[in-house]
């Protein structure tokens, strides 16, 4: 199962609603299960430098089928795999990249950047959780 365009837009809209609630101008990327960009939204006044970070958070989650924060645990110097950050055209190992599940199956990935890391995670979680409500 693959996320479709309509579902991708729903994910982004849910994430934007949370970003507005938190007063964060975010960049939000949704990728399909192959890691290709499906939808990208840059809210007004979102940092331009965060555009690439949002996409790479989603891509990091996609490459390892887990959250970007989980991947980050392997990127710490004490994990002895910190050189991994330079692989795959760059990994982002902090919160804000998540798998999107529907019927217990990954259908896509979301990446959010623009706020503090905990805010990015909260926004991504809101977007990724859109199908939990159905």
Protein backbone atom coordinates (compact mmCIF):
# COMPACT_ATOMS: atom_id res chain seq x y z
CA UNK A 1 0.00 0.00 0.00
CA UNK A 2 1.27 3.43 -0.95
CA UNK A 3 0.16 6.87 0.22
CA UNK A 4 -1.84 8.63 -2.49
CA UNK A 5 -1.97 12.33 -3.27
CA UNK A 6 -5.19 12.98 -1.37
CA UNK A 7 -3.88 11.19 1.73
CA UNK A 8 -0.59 13.09 1.47
CA UNK A 9 -2.48 16.37 1.42
CA UNK A 10 -4.48 15.28 4.49
CA UNK A 11 -1.24 14.51 6.33
CA UNK A 12 0.12 17.95 5.49
CA UNK A 13 -3.09 19.72 6.49
CA UNK A 14 -3.12 17.95 9.87
CA UNK A 15 0.53 18.87 10.39
CA UNK A 16 -0.14 22.49 9.44
CA UNK A 17 -3.02 22.66 11.92
CA UNK A 18 -0.64 21.55 14.68
CA UNK A 19 2.05 23.98 13.51
CA UNK A 20 -0.43 26.85 13.64
CA UNK A 21 -1.50 25.78 17.12
CA UNK A 22 2.16 25.79 18.21
CA UNK A 23 2.85 29.04 16.34
CA UNK A 24 5.64 27.42 14.31
CA UNK A 25 6.26 28.17 10.65
CA UNK A 26 7.26 24.76 9.38
CA UNK A 27 8.41 23.00 6.26
CA UNK A 28 6.57 19.70 5.80
CA UNK A 29 7.57 16.92 3.41
CA UNK A 30 5.67 13.73 2.63
CA UNK A 31 7.45 10.90 0.80
CA UNK A 32 6.09 7.69 -0.65
CA UNK A 33 7.49 4.34 0.48
CA UNK A 34 10.21 4.50 -2.18
CA UNK A 35 11.44 7.79 -0.72
CA UNK A 36 10.17 10.01 -3.51
CA UNK A 37 8.64 13.39 -2.70
CA UNK A 38 4.84 13.28 -2.82
CA UNK A 39 3.93 16.66 -1.26
CA UNK A 40 5.95 19.54 0.13
CA UNK A 41 4.55 22.58 1.92
CA UNK A 42 6.52 25.59 3.15
CA UNK A 43 4.44 27.70 5.48
CA UNK A 44 4.81 31.47 5.22
CA UNK A 45 7.99 32.69 6.95
CA UNK A 46 9.35 29.15 7.43
CA UNK A 47 13.13 29.04 7.37
CA UNK A 48 14.54 28.36 3.91
CA UNK A 49 17.34 26.30 5.44
CA UNK A 50 14.77 23.98 6.98
CA UNK A 51 13.38 22.90 3.63
CA UNK A 52 16.21 20.44 3.01
CA UNK A 53 16.17 19.32 6.64
CA UNK A 54 12.47 18.40 6.46
CA UNK A 55 13.01 16.33 3.33
CA UNK A 56 16.09 14.64 4.77
CA UNK A 57 14.30 13.82 8.04
CA UNK A 58 11.60 12.04 6.04
CA UNK A 59 14.24 10.36 3.84
CA UNK A 60 16.18 9.18 6.90
CA UNK A 61 13.00 7.66 8.34
CA UNK A 62 12.32 6.01 4.97
CA UNK A 63 15.79 4.53 4.55
CA UNK A 64 15.60 2.77 7.91
CA UNK A 65 11.79 2.38 8.27
CA UNK A 66 11.81 4.06 11.68
CA UNK A 67 11.85 7.56 13.11
CA UNK A 68 14.76 9.85 12.32
CA UNK A 69 15.34 10.10 16.09
CA UNK A 70 15.78 6.31 16.31
CA UNK A 71 18.36 6.46 13.53
CA UNK A 72 20.06 9.23 15.48
CA UNK A 73 20.86 6.78 18.26
CA UNK A 74 23.24 5.03 15.84
CA UNK A 75 24.78 8.31 14.72
CA UNK A 76 26.08 9.31 18.16
CA UNK A 77 29.87 9.06 18.55
CA UNK A 78 29.56 6.50 21.34
CA UNK A 79 27.53 4.23 19.03
CA UNK A 80 30.63 3.84 16.85
CA UNK A 81 28.61 4.33 13.67
CA UNK A 82 28.49 8.14 13.69
CA UNK A 83 30.16 8.23 10.27
CA UNK A 84 26.82 7.05 8.90
CA UNK A 85 25.68 10.67 8.77
CA UNK A 86 27.64 11.10 5.56
CA UNK A 87 25.97 8.13 3.85
CA UNK A 88 22.87 8.13 1.65
CA UNK A 89 23.44 11.76 0.62
CA UNK A 90 23.27 12.80 4.29
CA UNK A 91 21.19 11.52 7.18
CA UNK A 92 19.39 13.63 9.77
CA UNK A 93 19.35 11.88 13.13
CA UNK A 94 17.08 14.02 15.24
CA UNK A 95 13.32 14.05 15.75
CA UNK A 96 10.87 15.17 13.10
CA UNK A 97 10.95 12.31 10.58
CA UNK A 98 8.37 9.54 11.01
CA UNK A 99 6.77 6.67 9.14
CA UNK A 100 3.10 7.12 8.28
CA UNK A 101 1.04 4.04 9.10
CA UNK A 102 -2.36 2.98 7.79
CA UNK A 103 -3.86 -0.35 8.85
CA UNK A 104 -0.56 -1.18 10.59
CA UNK A 105 1.39 -0.80 7.33
CA UNK A 106 3.85 1.94 6.39
CA UNK A 107 2.40 3.89 3.47
CA UNK A 108 4.75 6.90 3.50
CA UNK A 109 6.96 9.18 5.57
CA UNK A 110 6.73 12.71 6.95
CA UNK A 111 9.53 15.13 7.74
CA UNK A 112 9.10 18.44 9.54
CA UNK A 113 11.57 21.23 10.21
CA UNK A 114 11.22 24.84 11.25
CA UNK A 115 10.72 24.83 15.00
CA UNK A 116 12.61 23.46 17.94
CA UNK A 117 13.18 19.71 17.64
CA UNK A 118 10.35 18.82 20.10
CA UNK A 119 7.97 21.08 18.13
CA UNK A 120 8.97 19.45 14.85
CA UNK A 121 8.26 16.05 16.38
CA UNK A 122 4.86 17.18 17.65
CA UNK A 123 3.93 18.52 14.20
CA UNK A 124 5.16 15.37 12.45
CA UNK A 125 3.31 13.17 14.93
CA UNK A 126 0.08 15.06 14.25
CA UNK A 127 0.49 14.56 10.52
CA UNK A 128 1.56 10.94 10.73
CA UNK A 129 -1.34 10.14 13.05
CA UNK A 130 -4.07 11.20 10.64
CA UNK A 131 -5.08 7.59 9.94
CA UNK A 132 -5.18 6.65 13.63
CA UNK A 133 -8.42 8.62 13.87
CA UNK A 134 -10.26 6.59 11.22
